[in-house]
Structure formats: C-alpha cells, structure tokens
C-alpha cells in the first residue's frame, strides 16, 4: 500500500532532528521534505513550511501546489518574501517569536558594546594604551525606547530590567505594556525619541516603516543617544544615519542588520562605509546563527502549523498590503 500524499511540504534543509521534531509535533499528518520529493506528489499539499530555500525552493510557486492554502515561514521577517509567487487566497505567516531570545541577547550585546565604547577599547589594547579610558556610558538607570514591542521587544525589556532601565514601548496599536512606563502606537513613535538614552529598532520592514528613521528622527535623539538595530537595516535611511554619525561623534549606532545582505555569497554591505566610523558598532547579522536557535525556531513554527492541522486559525498571518507595492498587489 502506497504512502499517503503529503499535506505538508517542508522546504528546509533535511535533517534527522528536523524529521523527528515534525513527526512529534504533527503526528498523523503526512508530510515530505521538498528536496526529497517530486512535484508529482504535491497535488494534495495544503501547507508549505518555507525556510531558506532548499533544492528547488528558488522556483517553488503556488502553481506547483494546486491545493495550497497556507505558507508558514521559518523566519520572522517577511520582507523579500515572494508574495507574487503565492497569490491570494493563499495566506502567509511569519514565525513570530521563533528567534526572540537570541535576537534580544544580540541587542543587549550591541547596546553594551556601544555604551562601553568597545571600538576604542579594542584599539587601545591593540596599541598598548591604558589611559585615558574610553568614553563609557552605562545601561544602569537608562531610558530605553523599544520600537516594535512584540516577542523580541519583550525579551529585550526583560534583559534591561536588571539594569533598572526605564522602558518606553511602541507597538502597532499602542496596547499598554505592563513593564513600560509609556506605550504608544506605531504612528507616534517619534514622540519617544527625545527621552531615550537607547533606541532599540525591532520593527519589521514594511512599506510603512521603510526609511522611517531618517534625518528628522535622528535629529530628535539625544546627542549621546545609542541606536541599536536588530530588526531590518532599511527601516533606517542610510544616508541620514551616515551623516548624523559623522556630524555627531557622541552619538552611536550598533547594527546586526545590513542594507545589502547576500546570504548566498556570504557578503554584506551598504551604500556608505559605516565600518570606518568610530561610533558605529556592528555584527554580521548573526543574532540567530547559533546551534540553539534553529531547533527552537522550528518548534515555534510547528506550533502554528499544528493549529492549522487542528482546523484552528493560524496566528501571525500577514497583511500582504504592508509588503506589496500597489502595482504588484492583487486586485
């Protein structure tokens, strides 16, 4: 007797660990790895779990999966997702919270690196200088504005609490956050910038947020402010940031994300030489590139997939209009 056709197609790199996790979370649901199956077996696939494209993943499209209803991303961000290849009524969800602890940890690393001026400290050690000490600041008692207070924002806040930090939060609707002294809706985020010693940028990259931190917004921040970006680089206008860092040497920026990221070639970049600036601190988009992150992210995505296969409404379904331009959006 032949095996049932898969209802779930998994477009992530096959592994024994992933296989065991999927079997445990979705008992009784027939599924297959995309790279280990053929398109002839996909006619009953309702759900696609899409990570970094594997095998034929670069060419996968809705027309290959005539019964497709739902795409679950393995990653949180959906900027760059090929919405044009998965037209409505197919619904798409990001993996909200899947990498949250690891991204929050990186945010704190960057905040501390900038506050304690590790760029100068490293240069001093390399040249054998002991004093004068770097221009150091502290997170203790600081005011932190978290733009995009979701799963990652909550994890950042929990790590700031031991420092006695004051929390200002921005979320989509301005829903009050228990740990925050003040919470505002997304369209009012600018009101928090003048009061913050640190601004954590965690918002997704959408049509609304792209380049929304520009010259005016940077000018609202404190001369000794620190901007930490673990969301998406393109929410910040690169020209405005570069000029602001050059014109305000006491202002600091710390990024784990870049305007130009070519994961296939293993290269990053941007339109300006940020790495040459002494008040710019950076890591190569590696917040989630550690062994502990991938199993947790898969487990998180499987929770949402289990909802679907229990005939429940999946969470975190995206509004396509936030990502698609009017010219490409479906009528």
Protein backbone atom coordinates (compact mmCIF):
# COMPACT_ATOMS: atom_id res chain seq x y z
CA UNK A 1 0.00 0.00 0.00
CA UNK A 2 1.48 3.36 -1.04
CA UNK A 3 2.08 6.14 1.47
CA UNK A 4 -0.50 8.95 1.52
CA UNK A 5 0.35 12.07 -0.45
CA UNK A 6 1.77 14.85 1.74
CA UNK A 7 -0.48 17.60 3.04
CA UNK A 8 2.59 19.50 4.27
CA UNK A 9 5.67 20.27 2.16
CA UNK A 10 8.77 21.25 4.16
CA UNK A 11 11.26 23.43 2.27
CA UNK A 12 14.07 23.48 4.79
CA UNK A 13 17.33 21.54 4.84
CA UNK A 14 16.54 17.91 5.76
CA UNK A 15 17.97 16.53 8.97
CA UNK A 16 17.16 13.72 11.37
CA UNK A 17 16.46 16.27 14.11
CA UNK A 18 14.01 18.20 11.94
CA UNK A 19 12.32 14.98 10.87
CA UNK A 20 11.84 13.89 14.47
CA UNK A 21 10.52 17.30 15.54
CA UNK A 22 7.96 17.40 12.71
CA UNK A 23 6.80 13.84 13.35
CA UNK A 24 6.36 14.58 17.07
CA UNK A 25 4.52 17.87 16.59
CA UNK A 26 2.30 16.81 13.69
CA UNK A 27 1.53 13.19 14.43
CA UNK A 28 -0.67 11.70 11.76
CA UNK A 29 -0.10 14.49 9.23
CA UNK A 30 1.50 13.19 6.02
CA UNK A 31 4.41 15.41 5.03
CA UNK A 32 7.59 15.44 2.96
CA UNK A 33 10.78 17.43 2.57
CA UNK A 34 10.63 19.41 -0.65
CA UNK A 35 14.14 18.33 -1.68
CA UNK A 36 13.33 14.65 -1.15
CA UNK A 37 10.09 14.57 -3.11
CA UNK A 38 8.87 15.27 -6.62
CA UNK A 39 6.26 17.70 -7.85
CA UNK A 40 4.14 14.78 -8.96
CA UNK A 41 3.41 14.08 -5.28
CA UNK A 42 2.42 17.65 -4.40
CA UNK A 43 -1.15 17.77 -5.69
CA UNK A 44 -2.65 17.46 -2.17
CA UNK A 45 -0.21 19.78 -0.38
CA UNK A 46 -2.19 22.34 1.63
CA UNK A 47 0.65 23.85 3.64
CA UNK A 48 4.21 24.89 2.87
CA UNK A 49 6.85 25.40 5.58
CA UNK A 50 9.34 27.72 3.94
CA UNK A 51 12.79 28.44 5.35
CA UNK A 52 15.90 29.39 3.48
CA UNK A 53 15.09 27.90 0.09
CA UNK A 54 16.35 24.35 -0.33
CA UNK A 55 16.74 22.37 -3.51
CA UNK A 56 14.12 23.63 -5.95
CA UNK A 57 12.89 26.18 -3.41
CA UNK A 58 14.05 29.08 -5.55
CA UNK A 59 11.47 28.11 -8.16
CA UNK A 60 8.65 26.99 -5.87
CA UNK A 61 5.41 28.80 -6.58
CA UNK A 62 1.74 28.45 -5.87
CA UNK A 63 1.00 26.92 -9.26
CA UNK A 64 3.25 23.96 -8.29
CA UNK A 65 0.91 23.32 -5.35
CA UNK A 66 -2.68 23.47 -6.65
CA UNK A 67 -4.24 22.73 -3.23
CA UNK A 68 -2.03 25.18 -1.30
CA UNK A 69 -3.83 27.29 1.32
CA UNK A 70 -1.18 28.39 3.82
CA UNK A 71 2.55 29.20 3.88
CA UNK A 72 4.37 29.23 7.23
CA UNK A 73 7.72 30.98 7.21
CA UNK A 74 10.53 29.63 9.34
CA UNK A 75 11.88 33.14 9.82
CA UNK A 76 10.18 36.11 11.42
CA UNK A 77 10.64 38.81 8.78
CA UNK A 78 8.66 38.63 5.56
CA UNK A 79 10.29 41.48 3.67
CA UNK A 80 11.55 39.93 0.45
CA UNK A 81 9.02 37.10 0.62
CA UNK A 82 7.90 36.15 -2.94
CA UNK A 83 4.27 37.10 -2.48
CA UNK A 84 3.86 37.27 -6.25
CA UNK A 85 4.50 33.51 -6.42
CA UNK A 86 1.88 32.69 -3.80
CA UNK A 87 -1.13 34.72 -4.77
CA UNK A 88 -4.35 35.00 -2.72
CA UNK A 89 -6.23 33.19 -1.38
CA UNK A 90 -3.00 31.59 -0.08
CA UNK A 91 -2.24 33.03 3.36
CA UNK A 92 1.26 33.63 4.75
CA UNK A 93 2.51 33.76 8.34
CA UNK A 94 5.89 34.67 9.80
CA UNK A 95 7.49 32.80 12.68
CA UNK A 96 6.89 35.48 15.30
CA UNK A 97 8.96 34.88 18.41
CA UNK A 98 10.85 31.94 16.96
CA UNK A 99 14.23 33.61 17.39
CA UNK A 100 13.28 36.18 20.01
CA UNK A 101 15.64 35.24 22.89
CA UNK A 102 18.66 35.10 20.60
CA UNK A 103 17.94 38.39 18.85
CA UNK A 104 17.29 40.09 22.19
CA UNK A 105 20.60 38.78 23.52
CA UNK A 106 22.38 40.23 20.49
CA UNK A 107 20.60 43.55 21.03
CA UNK A 108 21.97 43.72 24.55
CA UNK A 109 25.46 42.79 23.34
CA UNK A 110 25.35 45.66 20.85
CA UNK A 111 23.93 48.10 23.38
CA UNK A 112 26.71 47.30 25.84
CA UNK A 113 29.39 47.40 23.15
CA UNK A 114 28.28 50.88 22.14
CA UNK A 115 27.74 52.15 25.67
CA UNK A 116 31.18 50.97 26.82
CA UNK A 117 32.79 52.03 23.51
CA UNK A 118 34.39 48.68 22.69
CA UNK A 119 35.69 50.08 19.39
CA UNK A 120 38.01 52.45 21.26
CA UNK A 121 38.79 49.90 23.96
CA UNK A 122 39.92 47.34 21.38
CA UNK A 123 42.10 49.89 19.62
CA UNK A 124 43.65 50.90 22.96
CA UNK A 125 44.50 47.31 23.84
CA UNK A 126 45.95 46.70 20.38
CA UNK A 127 48.25 49.73 20.74
CA UNK A 128 49.11 49.13 24.42
CA UNK A 129 47.37 52.22 25.81
CA UNK A 130 45.84 52.17 29.30
CA UNK A 131 44.54 55.72 29.72
CA UNK A 132 42.60 57.87 29.20
CA UNK A 133 39.75 55.37 29.43
CA UNK A 134 37.14 55.19 26.66
CA UNK A 135 34.11 57.49 26.88
CA UNK A 136 31.92 54.97 28.64
CA UNK A 137 28.24 55.09 29.48
CA UNK A 138 26.01 52.78 31.45
CA UNK A 139 22.74 51.00 30.93
CA UNK A 140 22.08 51.29 34.65
CA UNK A 141 19.09 53.60 35.11
CA UNK A 142 18.96 54.40 31.38
CA UNK A 143 15.77 55.12 29.44
CA UNK A 144 15.23 52.68 26.57
CA UNK A 145 12.68 53.09 23.79
CA UNK A 146 11.76 49.81 22.09
CA UNK A 147 10.29 50.36 18.63
CA UNK A 148 8.30 47.27 17.72
CA UNK A 149 7.41 45.83 21.11
CA UNK A 150 6.49 42.27 20.23
CA UNK A 151 8.14 38.99 21.17
CA UNK A 152 11.67 40.32 20.62
CA UNK A 153 10.88 43.61 22.31
CA UNK A 154 9.57 41.81 25.38
CA UNK A 155 12.76 39.74 25.55
CA UNK A 156 14.86 42.90 25.29
CA UNK A 157 12.87 44.53 28.09
CA UNK A 158 13.36 41.50 30.34
CA UNK A 159 17.12 41.80 29.86
CA UNK A 160 17.11 45.51 30.59
CA UNK A 161 15.17 45.21 33.85
CA UNK A 162 18.19 44.09 35.93
CA UNK A 163 19.85 47.38 34.92
CA UNK A 164 16.96 49.33 36.39
CA UNK A 165 16.17 50.70 32.95
CA UNK A 166 13.06 52.74 32.25
CA UNK A 167 11.13 51.24 29.34
CA UNK A 168 9.24 53.13 26.65
CA UNK A 169 7.38 50.92 24.18
CA UNK A 170 5.91 51.23 20.70
CA UNK A 171 3.57 48.59 19.31
CA UNK A 172 1.10 48.51 16.46
CA UNK A 173 -1.98 49.66 18.37
CA UNK A 174 -0.42 51.27 21.42
CA UNK A 175 -1.70 48.46 23.65
CA UNK A 176 -0.30 49.12 27.15
CA UNK A 177 2.73 47.07 28.12
CA UNK A 178 2.97 46.18 31.81
CA UNK A 179 6.71 46.75 32.13
CA UNK A 180 6.69 50.02 30.17
CA UNK A 181 6.38 53.45 31.70
CA UNK A 182 4.77 54.62 28.47
CA UNK A 183 3.37 52.85 25.41
CA UNK A 184 2.46 54.50 22.12
CA UNK A 185 1.03 53.26 18.81
CA UNK A 186 3.35 52.85 15.85
CA UNK A 187 2.46 56.10 14.13
CA UNK A 188 3.52 58.09 17.22
CA UNK A 189 6.95 56.51 17.79
CA UNK A 190 8.72 59.84 17.22
CA UNK A 191 7.35 61.19 20.49
CA UNK A 192 9.56 58.82 22.46
CA UNK A 193 12.85 59.56 20.71
CA UNK A 194 13.90 62.69 22.65
CA UNK A 195 13.54 60.94 26.03
CA UNK A 196 15.57 57.82 25.20
CA UNK A 197 19.20 57.11 26.02
CA UNK A 198 18.86 53.99 23.88
CA UNK A 199 16.54 53.30 20.97
CA UNK A 200 16.07 49.66 20.02
CA UNK A 201 14.77 49.24 16.46
CA UNK A 202 12.91 45.92 16.23
CA UNK A 203 10.15 46.79 13.75
CA UNK A 204 9.59 44.70 10.61
CA UNK A 205 10.46 46.19 7.25
CA UNK A 206 7.19 47.16 5.59
CA UNK A 207 6.03 49.86 3.21
CA UNK A 208 5.20 51.97 6.29
CA UNK A 209 8.47 51.51 8.20
CA UNK A 210 10.96 51.69 5.32
CA UNK A 211 13.39 54.61 5.90
CA UNK A 212 11.11 55.90 8.67
CA UNK A 213 14.14 56.67 10.83
CA UNK A 214 15.59 59.50 8.78
CA UNK A 215 17.26 62.85 9.23
CA UNK A 216 14.39 64.36 11.22
CA UNK A 217 14.02 61.38 13.54
CA UNK A 218 17.76 61.07 14.18
CA UNK A 219 17.81 64.78 14.96
CA UNK A 220 15.23 64.18 17.70
CA UNK A 221 17.50 61.75 19.52
CA UNK A 222 19.92 62.72 22.24
CA UNK A 223 23.43 63.83 21.31
CA UNK A 224 24.71 60.93 23.42
CA UNK A 225 21.98 58.54 22.27
CA UNK A 226 22.54 54.98 21.09
CA UNK A 227 20.54 53.44 18.24
CA UNK A 228 20.52 49.62 18.24
CA UNK A 229 19.03 47.91 15.19
CA UNK A 230 18.30 44.18 15.27
CA UNK A 231 15.22 44.43 13.05
CA UNK A 232 15.95 45.46 9.47
CA UNK A 233 18.56 47.96 8.31
CA UNK A 234 16.29 49.54 5.72
CA UNK A 235 13.95 50.98 8.35
CA UNK A 236 16.81 53.49 8.75
CA UNK A 237 17.76 55.93 5.98
CA UNK A 238 21.45 55.07 5.43
CA UNK A 239 22.46 58.49 4.12
CA UNK A 240 20.84 60.23 7.06
CA UNK A 241 22.48 57.86 9.55
CA UNK A 242 25.93 58.16 8.00
CA UNK A 243 25.82 61.95 8.02
CA UNK A 244 24.39 62.00 11.55
CA UNK A 245 27.18 59.79 12.88
CA UNK A 246 29.80 61.97 11.21
CA UNK A 247 28.26 65.22 12.41
CA UNK A 248 27.55 63.97 15.95
CA UNK A 249 30.56 61.99 17.19
CA UNK A 250 28.99 61.40 20.61
CA UNK A 251 26.01 59.66 19.00
CA UNK A 252 26.44 55.90 18.50
CA UNK A 253 24.74 53.27 16.35
CA UNK A 254 25.01 49.50 16.70
CA UNK A 255 23.64 47.19 13.99
CA UNK A 256 23.30 43.45 13.44
CA UNK A 257 21.48 44.03 10.14
CA UNK A 258 22.62 45.50 6.82
CA UNK A 259 21.16 47.22 3.81
CA UNK A 260 22.75 44.74 1.43
CA UNK A 261 22.79 41.13 2.57
CA UNK A 262 23.74 38.39 0.10
CA UNK A 263 23.47 35.19 2.11
CA UNK A 264 24.31 33.00 -0.87
CA UNK A 265 27.62 34.76 -1.46
CA UNK A 266 28.21 35.36 2.24
CA UNK A 267 28.62 39.11 1.78
CA UNK A 268 27.16 42.16 3.47
CA UNK A 269 27.37 45.83 2.69
CA UNK A 270 25.68 49.16 2.43
CA UNK A 271 25.81 52.38 0.45
CA UNK A 272 28.19 54.07 2.89
CA UNK A 273 31.40 52.97 4.69
CA UNK A 274 29.85 52.66 8.13
CA UNK A 275 32.56 50.32 9.37
CA UNK A 276 35.10 53.15 9.08
CA UNK A 277 33.27 55.28 11.64
CA UNK A 278 34.45 55.01 15.26
CA UNK A 279 30.92 55.48 16.60
CA UNK A 280 29.40 52.64 14.57
CA UNK A 281 29.38 49.15 16.14
CA UNK A 282 28.30 46.08 14.23
CA UNK A 283 27.92 42.33 13.90
CA UNK A 284 27.24 40.43 10.64
CA UNK A 285 23.52 39.59 11.05
CA UNK A 286 24.43 36.67 13.27
CA UNK A 287 21.96 37.03 16.16
CA UNK A 288 20.27 33.75 15.29
CA UNK A 289 23.24 31.98 13.71
CA UNK A 290 23.96 29.64 16.60
CA UNK A 291 23.12 25.97 17.13
CA UNK A 292 20.48 26.53 19.82
CA UNK A 293 18.41 28.84 17.63
CA UNK A 294 17.32 26.53 14.83
CA UNK A 295 15.55 23.82 16.90
CA UNK A 296 13.67 26.49 18.84
CA UNK A 297 12.61 28.29 15.67
CA UNK A 298 11.36 25.07 14.08
CA UNK A 299 9.45 24.18 17.24
CA UNK A 300 7.81 27.61 17.20
CA UNK A 301 6.76 27.27 13.54
CA UNK A 302 5.38 23.79 14.22
CA UNK A 303 3.12 25.17 16.94
CA UNK A 304 1.42 27.35 14.34
CA UNK A 305 1.27 24.51 11.83
CA UNK A 306 -0.37 22.32 14.46
CA UNK A 307 -3.07 24.95 14.83
CA UNK A 308 -3.81 24.70 11.12
CA UNK A 309 -3.99 20.91 11.15
CA UNK A 310 -6.36 21.09 14.15
CA UNK A 311 -8.59 23.27 11.96
CA UNK A 312 -7.79 26.33 14.08
CA UNK A 313 -6.89 29.73 12.69
CA UNK A 314 -3.08 30.06 12.46
CA UNK A 315 -1.52 33.06 14.20
CA UNK A 316 0.57 35.86 12.71
CA UNK A 317 -0.98 35.82 9.24
CA UNK A 318 0.42 38.82 7.43
CA UNK A 319 -1.44 41.62 5.72
CA UNK A 320 0.02 41.49 2.22
CA UNK A 321 -0.65 45.17 1.64
CA UNK A 322 2.06 46.04 4.17
CA UNK A 323 4.69 44.45 1.93
CA UNK A 324 3.42 44.55 -1.64
CA UNK A 325 3.56 47.75 -3.63
CA UNK A 326 0.23 48.93 -5.07
CA UNK A 327 1.49 47.99 -8.54
CA UNK A 328 2.06 44.34 -7.58
CA UNK A 329 -0.70 43.79 -5.04
CA UNK A 330 -3.58 41.61 -6.12
CA UNK A 331 -6.74 43.50 -7.19
